[in-house]
Amino acid sequence: MSSHNLLEVRQVDDLAVAVVIAPTVDSSNAEALGRHLASLVETHSLHLDLGKVRRLSSVGLVKLVALHKKARDEGRELRLLNVAPSVRRVFLDMELLELFRLEDTMTGA
């Protein structure tokens, strides 16, 4: 599946703002999303808006953890925005809230 059907991206200077438009991130789309987002953090800090995502599978979570590592290794910032309660619960249950920067809205972009 192409990430173009799953993601809207806007780039401003060294910041990319990406909105995931798929309501579910799972094995059917996580690979394509992961590739596209990984290419963005090679050259941009990333604000990733998950406001439309209602379900995040373990495969999607693994891709986000890998994205966090890549962003850190590239010296880039990764923020997760507008995370729905159901998705936030996944981060809480997996004890990943300290790893990711979750924000309710986008500031400074």
PDB file of N, CA and C in Angstrom:
ATOM      1  N   MET A   1       0.836  -1.176   0.000  1.00  0.00           N
ATOM      2  CA  MET A   1       0.000   0.000   0.000  1.00  0.00           C
ATOM      3  C   MET A   1       0.881   1.239   0.000  1.00  0.00           C
ATOM      4  N   SER A   2       0.527   2.221  -0.791  1.00  0.00           N
ATOM      5  CA  SER A   2       1.282   3.460  -0.894  1.00  0.00           C
ATOM      6  C   SER A   2       1.030   4.335   0.325  1.00  0.00           C
ATOM      7  N   SER A   3       2.072   4.989   0.818  1.00  0.00           N
ATOM      8  CA  SER A   3       1.909   5.879   1.962  1.00  0.00           C
ATOM      9  C   SER A   3       1.187   7.156   1.577  1.00  0.00           C
ATOM     10  N   HIS A   4       1.085   7.450   0.276  1.00  0.00           N
ATOM     11  CA  HIS A   4       0.406   8.668  -0.166  1.00  0.00           C
ATOM     12  C   HIS A   4      -1.084   8.626   0.167  1.00  0.00           C
ATOM     13  N   ASN A   5      -1.669   7.447   0.297  1.00  0.00           N
ATOM     14  CA  ASN A   5      -3.074   7.304   0.673  1.00  0.00           C
ATOM     15  C   ASN A   5      -3.260   7.293   2.182  1.00  0.00           C
ATOM     16  N   LEU A   6      -2.176   7.302   2.916  1.00  0.00           N
ATOM     17  CA  LEU A   6      -2.226   7.157   4.365  1.00  0.00           C
ATOM     18  C   LEU A   6      -1.726   8.380   5.115  1.00  0.00           C
ATOM     19  N   LEU A   7      -1.082   9.295   4.399  1.00  0.00           N
ATOM     20  CA  LEU A   7      -0.304  10.340   5.045  1.00  0.00           C
ATOM     21  C   LEU A   7      -0.384  11.631   4.250  1.00  0.00           C
ATOM     22  N   GLU A   8      -0.565  12.742   4.957  1.00  0.00           N
ATOM     23  CA  GLU A   8      -0.461  14.067   4.352  1.00  0.00           C
ATOM     24  C   GLU A   8       0.749  14.741   4.984  1.00  0.00           C
ATOM     25  N   VAL A   9       1.627  15.289   4.157  1.00  0.00           N
ATOM     26  CA  VAL A   9       2.875  15.868   4.668  1.00  0.00           C
ATOM     27  C   VAL A   9       3.007  17.311   4.205  1.00  0.00           C
ATOM     28  N   ARG A  10       3.415  18.154   5.137  1.00  0.00           N
ATOM     29  CA  ARG A  10       3.738  19.549   4.838  1.00  0.00           C
ATOM     30  C   ARG A  10       5.134  19.803   5.397  1.00  0.00           C
ATOM     31  N   GLN A  11       6.003  20.412   4.594  1.00  0.00           N
ATOM     32  CA  GLN A  11       7.368  20.686   5.038  1.00  0.00           C
ATOM     33  C   GLN A  11       7.590  22.190   5.103  1.00  0.00           C
ATOM     34  N   VAL A  12       8.140  22.637   6.227  1.00  0.00           N
ATOM     35  CA  VAL A  12       8.465  24.038   6.434  1.00  0.00           C
ATOM     36  C   VAL A  12       9.882  24.086   6.984  1.00  0.00           C
ATOM     37  N   ASP A  13      10.803  24.583   6.162  1.00  0.00           N
ATOM     38  CA  ASP A  13      12.212  24.633   6.541  1.00  0.00           C
ATOM     39  C   ASP A  13      12.693  23.242   6.963  1.00  0.00           C
ATOM     40  N   ASP A  14      13.168  23.102   8.215  1.00  0.00           N
ATOM     41  CA  ASP A  14      13.691  21.799   8.647  1.00  0.00           C
ATOM     42  C   ASP A  14      12.669  20.988   9.451  1.00  0.00           C
ATOM     43  N   LEU A  15      11.384  21.359   9.330  1.00  0.00           N
ATOM     44  CA  LEU A  15      10.315  20.652  10.032  1.00  0.00           C
ATOM     45  C   LEU A  15       9.342  20.044   9.033  1.00  0.00           C
ATOM     46  N   ALA A  16       9.009  18.794   9.242  1.00  0.00           N
ATOM     47  CA  ALA A  16       7.948  18.135   8.470  1.00  0.00           C
ATOM     48  C   ALA A  16       6.792  17.868   9.425  1.00  0.00           C
ATOM     49  N   VAL A  17       5.601  18.229   8.979  1.00  0.00           N
ATOM     50  CA  VAL A  17       4.386  17.932   9.725  1.00  0.00           C
ATOM     51  C   VAL A  17       3.634  16.884   8.919  1.00  0.00           C
ATOM     52  N   ALA A  18       3.445  15.717   9.500  1.00  0.00           N
ATOM     53  CA  ALA A  18       2.778  14.614   8.805  1.00  0.00           C
ATOM     54  C   ALA A  18       1.520  14.235   9.573  1.00  0.00           C
ATOM     55  N   VAL A  19       0.415  14.123   8.842  1.00  0.00           N
ATOM     56  CA  VAL A  19      -0.861  13.713   9.425  1.00  0.00           C
ATOM     57  C   VAL A  19      -1.184  12.323   8.897  1.00  0.00           C
ATOM     58  N   VAL A  20      -1.281  11.367   9.798  1.00  0.00           N
ATOM     59  CA  VAL A  20      -1.687  10.016   9.407  1.00  0.00           C
ATOM     60  C   VAL A  20      -3.199  10.055   9.230  1.00  0.00           C
ATOM     61  N   ILE A  21      -3.670   9.751   8.014  1.00  0.00           N
ATOM     62  CA  ILE A  21      -5.105   9.829   7.741  1.00  0.00           C
ATOM     63  C   ILE A  21      -5.797   8.476   7.834  1.00  0.00           C
ATOM     64  N   ALA A  22      -5.034   7.428   8.028  1.00  0.00           N
ATOM     65  CA  ALA A  22      -5.611   6.089   8.203  1.00  0.00           C
ATOM     66  C   ALA A  22      -6.089   5.938   9.648  1.00  0.00           C
ATOM     67  N   PRO A  23      -7.287   5.397   9.878  1.00  0.00           N
ATOM     68  CA  PRO A  23      -7.767   5.223  11.249  1.00  0.00           C
ATOM     69  C   PRO A  23      -7.086   4.078  11.995  1.00  0.00           C
ATOM     70  N   THR A  24      -6.443   3.190  11.249  1.00  0.00           N
ATOM     71  CA  THR A  24      -5.749   2.051  11.845  1.00  0.00           C
ATOM     72  C   THR A  24      -4.344   1.959  11.268  1.00  0.00           C
ATOM     73  N   VAL A  25      -3.365   1.760  12.135  1.00  0.00           N
ATOM     74  CA  VAL A  25      -1.997   1.492  11.692  1.00  0.00           C
ATOM     75  C   VAL A  25      -1.691   0.068  12.134  1.00  0.00           C
ATOM     76  N   ASP A  26      -1.564  -0.809  11.132  1.00  0.00           N
ATOM     77  CA  ASP A  26      -1.356  -2.230  11.410  1.00  0.00           C
ATOM     78  C   ASP A  26      -0.494  -2.848  10.315  1.00  0.00           C
ATOM     79  N   SER A  27      -0.479  -4.159  10.242  1.00  0.00           N
ATOM     80  CA  SER A  27       0.393  -4.847   9.288  1.00  0.00           C
ATOM     81  C   SER A  27       0.062  -4.521   7.837  1.00  0.00           C
ATOM     82  N   SER A  28      -1.135  -4.026   7.562  1.00  0.00           N
ATOM     83  CA  SER A  28      -1.502  -3.710   6.182  1.00  0.00           C
ATOM     84  C   SER A  28      -0.895  -2.405   5.682  1.00  0.00           C
ATOM     85  N   ASN A  29      -0.481  -1.520   6.598  1.00  0.00           N
ATOM     86  CA  ASN A  29       0.019  -0.221   6.153  1.00  0.00           C
ATOM     87  C   ASN A  29       1.247   0.290   6.906  1.00  0.00           C
ATOM     88  N   ALA A  30       1.640  -0.367   7.979  1.00  0.00           N
ATOM     89  CA  ALA A  30       2.740   0.133   8.815  1.00  0.00           C
ATOM     90  C   ALA A  30       4.068   0.185   8.071  1.00  0.00           C
ATOM     91  N   GLU A  31       4.325  -0.780   7.211  1.00  0.00           N
ATOM     92  CA  GLU A  31       5.599  -0.801   6.476  1.00  0.00           C
ATOM     93  C   GLU A  31       5.725   0.423   5.572  1.00  0.00           C
ATOM     94  N   ALA A  32       4.681   0.720   4.802  1.00  0.00           N
ATOM     95  CA  ALA A  32       4.706   1.876   3.901  1.00  0.00           C
ATOM     96  C   ALA A  32       4.820   3.180   4.686  1.00  0.00           C
ATOM     97  N   LEU A  33       4.052   3.301   5.759  1.00  0.00           N
ATOM     98  CA  LEU A  33       4.152   4.493   6.597  1.00  0.00           C
ATOM     99  C   LEU A  33       5.547   4.625   7.194  1.00  0.00           C
ATOM    100  N   GLY A  34       6.068   3.534   7.710  1.00  0.00           N
ATOM    101  CA  GLY A  34       7.395   3.551   8.319  1.00  0.00           C
ATOM    102  C   GLY A  34       8.477   4.006   7.357  1.00  0.00           C
ATOM    103  N   ARG A  35       8.427   3.512   6.130  1.00  0.00           N
ATOM    104  CA  ARG A  35       9.422   3.916   5.124  1.00  0.00           C
ATOM    105  C   ARG A  35       9.332   5.411   4.830  1.00  0.00           C
ATOM    106  N   HIS A  36       8.125   5.897   4.622  1.00  0.00           N
ATOM    107  CA  HIS A  36       7.945   7.310   4.296  1.00  0.00           C
ATOM    108  C   HIS A  36       8.394   8.201   5.460  1.00  0.00           C
ATOM    109  N   LEU A  37       7.987   7.858   6.662  1.00  0.00           N
ATOM    110  CA  LEU A  37       8.362   8.659   7.827  1.00  0.00           C
ATOM    111  C   LEU A  37       9.862   8.596   8.094  1.00  0.00           C
ATOM    112  N   ALA A  38      10.471   7.441   7.895  1.00  0.00           N
ATOM    113  CA  ALA A  38      11.923   7.314   8.084  1.00  0.00           C
ATOM    114  C   ALA A  38      12.671   8.203   7.103  1.00  0.00           C
ATOM    115  N   SER A  39      12.171   8.304   5.876  1.00  0.00           N
ATOM    116  CA  SER A  39      12.843   9.175   4.902  1.00  0.00           C
ATOM    117  C   SER A  39      12.702  10.641   5.301  1.00  0.00           C
ATOM    118  N   LEU A  40      11.595  11.000   5.931  1.00  0.00           N
ATOM    119  CA  LEU A  40      11.416  12.383   6.381  1.00  0.00           C
ATOM    120  C   LEU A  40      12.396  12.752   7.484  1.00  0.00           C
ATOM    121  N   VAL A  41      12.608  11.857   8.459  1.00  0.00           N
ATOM    122  CA  VAL A  41      13.487  12.209   9.579  1.00  0.00           C
ATOM    123  C   VAL A  41      14.962  12.191   9.195  1.00  0.00           C
ATOM    124  N   GLU A  42      15.275  11.744   8.002  1.00  0.00           N
ATOM    125  CA  GLU A  42      16.664  11.868   7.541  1.00  0.00           C
ATOM    126  C   GLU A  42      17.030  13.327   7.321  1.00  0.00           C
ATOM    127  N   THR A  43      16.042  14.165   6.999  1.00  0.00           N
ATOM    128  CA  THR A  43      16.320  15.564   6.663  1.00  0.00           C
ATOM    129  C   THR A  43      15.499  16.574   7.452  1.00  0.00           C
ATOM    130  N   HIS A  44      14.536  16.114   8.244  1.00  0.00           N
ATOM    131  CA  HIS A  44      13.639  17.024   8.948  1.00  0.00           C
ATOM    132  C   HIS A  44      13.340  16.516  10.359  1.00  0.00           C
ATOM    133  N   SER A  45      13.112  17.454  11.279  1.00  0.00           N
ATOM    134  CA  SER A  45      12.430  17.085  12.514  1.00  0.00           C
ATOM    135  C   SER A  45      10.995  16.787  12.123  1.00  0.00           C
ATOM    136  N   LEU A  46      10.292  16.006  12.933  1.00  0.00           N
ATOM    137  CA  LEU A  46       8.970  15.536  12.530  1.00  0.00           C
ATOM    138  C   LEU A  46       7.951  15.718  13.637  1.00  0.00           C
ATOM    139  N   HIS A  47       6.849  16.363  13.273  1.00  0.00           N
ATOM    140  CA  HIS A  47       5.661  16.406  14.113  1.00  0.00           C
ATOM    141  C   HIS A  47       4.659  15.480  13.449  1.00  0.00           C
ATOM    142  N   LEU A  48       4.333  14.391  14.113  1.00  0.00           N
ATOM    143  CA  LEU A  48       3.467  13.361  13.552  1.00  0.00           C
ATOM    144  C   LEU A  48       2.102  13.428  14.228  1.00  0.00           C
ATOM    145  N   ASP A  49       1.107  13.848  13.464  1.00  0.00           N
ATOM    146  CA  ASP A  49      -0.252  14.003  13.975  1.00  0.00           C
ATOM    147  C   ASP A  49      -0.991  12.672  13.846  1.00  0.00           C
ATOM    148  N   LEU A  50      -1.326  12.093  14.978  1.00  0.00           N
ATOM    149  CA  LEU A  50      -2.026  10.806  15.022  1.00  0.00           C
ATOM    150  C   LEU A  50      -3.498  10.979  15.385  1.00  0.00           C
ATOM    151  N   GLY A  51      -4.029  12.179  15.215  1.00  0.00           N
ATOM    152  CA  GLY A  51      -5.391  12.489  15.632  1.00  0.00           C
ATOM    153  C   GLY A  51      -6.468  11.642  14.991  1.00  0.00           C
ATOM    154  N   LYS A  52      -6.232  11.142  13.791  1.00  0.00           N
ATOM    155  CA  LYS A  52      -7.237  10.323  13.107  1.00  0.00           C
ATOM    156  C   LYS A  52      -7.055   8.829  13.374  1.00  0.00           C
ATOM    157  N   VAL A  53      -5.953   8.471  14.018  1.00  0.00           N
ATOM    158  CA  VAL A  53      -5.661   7.058  14.289  1.00  0.00           C
ATOM    159  C   VAL A  53      -6.407   6.627  15.548  1.00  0.00           C
ATOM    160  N   ARG A  54      -7.201   5.582  15.424  1.00  0.00           N
ATOM    161  CA  ARG A  54      -7.955   5.050  16.554  1.00  0.00           C
ATOM    162  C   ARG A  54      -7.421   3.702  17.020  1.00  0.00           C
ATOM    163  N   ARG A  55      -6.641   3.052  16.171  1.00  0.00           N
ATOM    164  CA  ARG A  55      -6.081   1.742  16.536  1.00  0.00           C
ATOM    165  C   ARG A  55      -4.638   1.663  16.059  1.00  0.00           C
ATOM    166  N   LEU A  56      -3.754   1.306  16.971  1.00  0.00           N
ATOM    167  CA  LEU A  56      -2.336   1.140  16.674  1.00  0.00           C
ATOM    168  C   LEU A  56      -1.944  -0.270  17.090  1.00  0.00           C
ATOM    169  N   SER A  57      -1.611  -1.101  16.107  1.00  0.00           N
ATOM    170  CA  SER A  57      -1.232  -2.487  16.410  1.00  0.00           C
ATOM    171  C   SER A  57       0.214  -2.543  16.880  1.00  0.00           C
ATOM    172  N   SER A  58       0.626  -3.718  17.305  1.00  0.00           N
ATOM    173  CA  SER A  58       2.014  -3.903  17.736  1.00  0.00           C
ATOM    174  C   SER A  58       2.980  -3.633  16.587  1.00  0.00           C
ATOM    175  N   VAL A  59       2.588  -3.960  15.368  1.00  0.00           N
ATOM    176  CA  VAL A  59       3.444  -3.685  14.202  1.00  0.00           C
ATOM    177  C   VAL A  59       3.613  -2.180  14.032  1.00  0.00           C
ATOM    178  N   GLY A  60       2.536  -1.432  14.164  1.00  0.00           N
ATOM    179  CA  GLY A  60       2.618   0.023  14.077  1.00  0.00           C
ATOM    180  C   GLY A  60       3.467   0.610  15.185  1.00  0.00           C
ATOM    181  N   LEU A  61       3.328   0.065  16.373  1.00  0.00           N
ATOM    182  CA  LEU A  61       4.115   0.537  17.509  1.00  0.00           C
ATOM    183  C   LEU A  61       5.600   0.284  17.287  1.00  0.00           C
ATOM    184  N   VAL A  62       5.942  -0.882  16.765  1.00  0.00           N
ATOM    185  CA  VAL A  62       7.347  -1.196  16.458  1.00  0.00           C
ATOM    186  C   VAL A  62       7.906  -0.183  15.459  1.00  0.00           C
ATOM    187  N   LYS A  63       7.115   0.191  14.458  1.00  0.00           N
ATOM    188  CA  LYS A  63       7.566   1.177  13.465  1.00  0.00           C
ATOM    189  C   LYS A  63       7.800   2.533  14.120  1.00  0.00           C
ATOM    190  N   LEU A  64       6.945   2.916  15.070  1.00  0.00           N
ATOM    191  CA  LEU A  64       7.140   4.191  15.756  1.00  0.00           C
ATOM    192  C   LEU A  64       8.378   4.171  16.649  1.00  0.00           C
ATOM    193  N   VAL A  65       8.638   3.057  17.303  1.00  0.00           N
ATOM    194  CA  VAL A  65       9.853   2.939  18.119  1.00  0.00           C
ATOM    195  C   VAL A  65      11.085   3.044  17.221  1.00  0.00           C
ATOM    196  N   ALA A  66      11.069   2.377  16.073  1.00  0.00           N
ATOM    197  CA  ALA A  66      12.189   2.463  15.122  1.00  0.00           C
ATOM    198  C   ALA A  66      12.337   3.889  14.604  1.00  0.00           C
ATOM    199  N   LEU A  67      11.215   4.561  14.362  1.00  0.00           N
ATOM    200  CA  LEU A  67      11.255   5.949  13.896  1.00  0.00           C
ATOM    201  C   LEU A  67      11.860   6.852  14.963  1.00  0.00           C
ATOM    202  N   HIS A  68      11.495   6.629  16.208  1.00  0.00           N
ATOM    203  CA  HIS A  68      12.073   7.404  17.310  1.00  0.00           C
ATOM    204  C   HIS A  68      13.592   7.237  17.349  1.00  0.00           C
ATOM    205  N   LYS A  69      14.049   6.008  17.225  1.00  0.00           N
ATOM    206  CA  LYS A  69      15.493   5.738  17.243  1.00  0.00           C
ATOM    207  C   LYS A  69      16.182   6.416  16.068  1.00  0.00           C
ATOM    208  N   LYS A  70      15.589   6.327  14.883  1.00  0.00           N
ATOM    209  CA  LYS A  70      16.188   6.947  13.702  1.00  0.00           C
ATOM    210  C   LYS A  70      16.246   8.466  13.861  1.00  0.00           C
ATOM    211  N   ALA A  71      15.172   9.060  14.344  1.00  0.00           N
ATOM    212  CA  ALA A  71      15.156  10.508  14.552  1.00  0.00           C
ATOM    213  C   ALA A  71      16.248  10.912  15.537  1.00  0.00           C
ATOM    214  N   ARG A  72      16.360  10.178  16.629  1.00  0.00           N
ATOM    215  CA  ARG A  72      17.399  10.470  17.627  1.00  0.00           C
ATOM    216  C   ARG A  72      18.789  10.339  17.011  1.00  0.00           C
ATOM    217  N   ASP A  73      19.016   9.263  16.255  1.00  0.00           N
ATOM    218  CA  ASP A  73      20.322   9.041  15.632  1.00  0.00           C
ATOM    219  C   ASP A  73      20.661  10.126  14.617  1.00  0.00           C
ATOM    220  N   GLU A  74      19.631  10.688  13.973  1.00  0.00           N
ATOM    221  CA  GLU A  74      19.834  11.751  12.979  1.00  0.00           C
ATOM    222  C   GLU A  74      19.903  13.132  13.629  1.00  0.00           C
ATOM    223  N   GLY A  75      19.715  13.189  14.952  1.00  0.00           N
ATOM    224  CA  GLY A  75      19.712  14.474  15.651  1.00  0.00           C
ATOM    225  C   GLY A  75      18.450  15.272  15.387  1.00  0.00           C
ATOM    226  N   ARG A  76      17.359  14.580  15.098  1.00  0.00           N
ATOM    227  CA  ARG A  76      16.079  15.215  14.786  1.00  0.00           C
ATOM    228  C   ARG A  76      15.104  15.046  15.946  1.00  0.00           C
ATOM    229  N   GLU A  77      14.142  15.935  15.994  1.00  0.00           N
ATOM    230  CA  GLU A  77      13.096  15.874  17.005  1.00  0.00           C
ATOM    231  C   GLU A  77      11.885  15.142  16.431  1.00  0.00           C
ATOM    232  N   LEU A  78      11.269  14.302  17.249  1.00  0.00           N
ATOM    233  CA  LEU A  78      10.029  13.623  16.889  1.00  0.00           C
ATOM    234  C   LEU A  78       9.001  13.919  17.967  1.00  0.00           C
ATOM    235  N   ARG A  79       7.875  14.499  17.543  1.00  0.00           N
ATOM    236  CA  ARG A  79       6.755  14.736  18.452  1.00  0.00           C
ATOM    237  C   ARG A  79       5.532  14.024  17.898  1.00  0.00           C
ATOM    238  N   LEU A  80       4.768  13.411  18.772  1.00  0.00           N
ATOM    239  CA  LEU A  80       3.501  12.795  18.393  1.00  0.00           C
ATOM    240  C   LEU A  80       2.391  13.707  18.887  1.00  0.00           C
ATOM    241  N   LEU A  81       1.516  14.107  17.972  1.00  0.00           N
ATOM    242  CA  LEU A  81       0.487  15.091  18.281  1.00  0.00           C
ATOM    243  C   LEU A  81      -0.903  14.480  18.242  1.00  0.00           C
ATOM    244  N   ASN A  82      -1.803  15.064  19.034  1.00  0.00           N
ATOM    245  CA  ASN A  82      -3.229  14.729  18.986  1.00  0.00           C
ATOM    246  C   ASN A  82      -3.490  13.232  19.117  1.00  0.00           C
ATOM    247  N   VAL A  83      -2.792  12.597  20.012  1.00  0.00           N
ATOM    248  CA  VAL A  83      -2.902  11.148  20.175  1.00  0.00           C
ATOM    249  C   VAL A  83      -4.222  10.814  20.881  1.00  0.00           C
ATOM    250  N   ALA A  84      -5.045  10.015  20.218  1.00  0.00           N
ATOM    251  CA  ALA A  84      -6.348   9.621  20.763  1.00  0.00           C
ATOM    252  C   ALA A  84      -6.163   8.799  22.041  1.00  0.00           C
ATOM    253  N   PRO A  85      -7.131   8.861  22.946  1.00  0.00           N
ATOM    254  CA  PRO A  85      -7.024   8.094  24.195  1.00  0.00           C
ATOM    255  C   PRO A  85      -6.765   6.605  23.972  1.00  0.00           C
ATOM    256  N   SER A  86      -7.383   6.020  22.967  1.00  0.00           N
ATOM    257  CA  SER A  86      -7.180   4.583  22.716  1.00  0.00           C
ATOM    258  C   SER A  86      -5.741   4.280  22.312  1.00  0.00           C
ATOM    259  N   VAL A  87      -5.126   5.195  21.586  1.00  0.00           N
ATOM    260  CA  VAL A  87      -3.735   5.011  21.158  1.00  0.00           C
ATOM    261  C   VAL A  87      -2.788   5.371  22.301  1.00  0.00           C
ATOM    262  N   ARG A  88      -3.117   6.422  23.027  1.00  0.00           N
ATOM    263  CA  ARG A  88      -2.305   6.805  24.190  1.00  0.00           C
ATOM    264  C   ARG A  88      -2.235   5.640  25.184  1.00  0.00           C
ATOM    265  N   ARG A  89      -3.332   4.905  25.293  1.00  0.00           N
ATOM    266  CA  ARG A  89      -3.390   3.756  26.202  1.00  0.00           C
ATOM    267  C   ARG A  89      -2.356   2.691  25.810  1.00  0.00           C
ATOM    268  N   VAL A  90      -2.139   2.516  24.506  1.00  0.00           N
ATOM    269  CA  VAL A  90      -1.127   1.562  24.031  1.00  0.00           C
ATOM    270  C   VAL A  90       0.252   1.979  24.539  1.00  0.00           C
ATOM    271  N   PHE A  91       0.571   3.273  24.427  1.00  0.00           N
ATOM    272  CA  PHE A  91       1.863   3.769  24.906  1.00  0.00           C
ATOM    273  C   PHE A  91       1.982   3.581  26.418  1.00  0.00           C
ATOM    274  N   LEU A  92       0.896   3.830  27.133  1.00  0.00           N
ATOM    275  CA  LEU A  92       0.891   3.657  28.578  1.00  0.00           C
ATOM    276  C   LEU A  92       1.082   2.187  28.951  1.00  0.00           C
ATOM    277  N   ASP A  93       0.320   1.305  28.321  1.00  0.00           N
ATOM    278  CA  ASP A  93       0.412  -0.124  28.626  1.00  0.00           C
ATOM    279  C   ASP A  93       1.793  -0.690  28.322  1.00  0.00           C
ATOM    280  N   MET A  94       2.434  -0.181  27.299  1.00  0.00           N
ATOM    281  CA  MET A  94       3.763  -0.666  26.907  1.00  0.00           C
ATOM    282  C   MET A  94       4.888   0.113  27.593  1.00  0.00           C
ATOM    283  N   GLU A  95       4.513   1.023  28.497  1.00  0.00           N
ATOM    284  CA  GLU A  95       5.470   1.839  29.251  1.00  0.00           C
ATOM    285  C   GLU A  95       6.395   2.631  28.335  1.00  0.00           C
ATOM    286  N   LEU A  96       5.798   3.255  27.316  1.00  0.00           N
ATOM    287  CA  LEU A  96       6.569   4.027  26.342  1.00  0.00           C
ATOM    288  C   LEU A  96       6.306   5.529  26.426  1.00  0.00           C
ATOM    289  N   LEU A  97       5.548   5.978  27.412  1.00  0.00           N
ATOM    290  CA  LEU A  97       5.250   7.405  27.503  1.00  0.00           C
ATOM    291  C   LEU A  97       6.499   8.241  27.758  1.00  0.00           C
ATOM    292  N   GLU A  98       7.489   7.678  28.426  1.00  0.00           N
ATOM    293  CA  GLU A  98       8.721   8.426  28.678  1.00  0.00           C
ATOM    294  C   GLU A  98       9.602   8.505  27.439  1.00  0.00           C
ATOM    295  N   LEU A  99       9.447   7.565  26.528  1.00  0.00           N
ATOM    296  CA  LEU A  99      10.261   7.541  25.316  1.00  0.00           C
ATOM    297  C   LEU A  99       9.783   8.574  24.305  1.00  0.00           C
ATOM    298  N   PHE A 100       8.474   8.719  24.174  1.00  0.00           N
ATOM    299  CA  PHE A 100       7.901   9.591  23.156  1.00  0.00           C
ATOM    300  C   PHE A 100       7.424  10.894  23.753  1.00  0.00           C
ATOM    301  N   ARG A 101       7.515  11.939  22.942  1.00  0.00           N
ATOM    302  CA  ARG A 101       6.979  13.233  23.328  1.00  0.00           C
ATOM    303  C   ARG A 101       5.582  13.339  22.722  1.00  0.00           C
ATOM    304  N   LEU A 102       4.551  13.188  23.550  1.00  0.00           N
ATOM    305  CA  LEU A 102       3.165  13.266  23.111  1.00  0.00           C
ATOM    306  C   LEU A 102       2.613  14.627  23.496  1.00  0.00           C
ATOM    307  N   GLU A 103       1.983  15.292  22.537  1.00  0.00           N
ATOM    308  CA  GLU A 103       1.405  16.608  22.781  1.00  0.00           C
ATOM    309  C   GLU A 103      -0.008  16.639  22.234  1.00  0.00           C
ATOM    310  N   ASP A 104      -0.856  17.451  22.882  1.00  0.00           N
ATOM    311  CA  ASP A 104      -2.246  17.542  22.443  1.00  0.00           C
ATOM    312  C   ASP A 104      -2.402  18.368  21.176  1.00  0.00           C
ATOM    313  N   THR A 105      -1.570  19.382  21.001  1.00  0.00           N
ATOM    314  CA  THR A 105      -1.663  20.230  19.813  1.00  0.00           C
ATOM    315  C   THR A 105      -0.274  20.550  19.314  1.00  0.00           C
ATOM    316  N   MET A 106      -0.218  21.094  18.104  1.00  0.00           N
ATOM    317  CA  MET A 106       1.065  21.474  17.531  1.00  0.00           C
ATOM    318  C   MET A 106       1.393  22.888  17.978  1.00  0.00           C
ATOM    319  N   THR A 107       2.589  23.065  18.535  1.00  0.00           N
ATOM    320  CA  THR A 107       3.056  24.384  18.933  1.00  0.00           C
ATOM    321  C   THR A 107       4.384  24.652  18.264  1.00  0.00           C
ATOM    322  N   GLY A 108       4.592  25.870  17.894  1.00  0.00           N
ATOM    323  CA  GLY A 108       5.881  26.262  17.348  1.00  0.00           C
ATOM    324  C   GLY A 108       6.138  25.818  15.932  1.00  0.00           C
ATOM    325  N   ALA A 109       5.126  25.461  15.190  1.00  0.00           N
ATOM    326  CA  ALA A 109       5.328  25.059  13.792  1.00  0.00           C
ATOM    327  C   ALA A 109       4.514  25.917  12.876  1.00  0.00           C
TER     328      ALA A 109
END
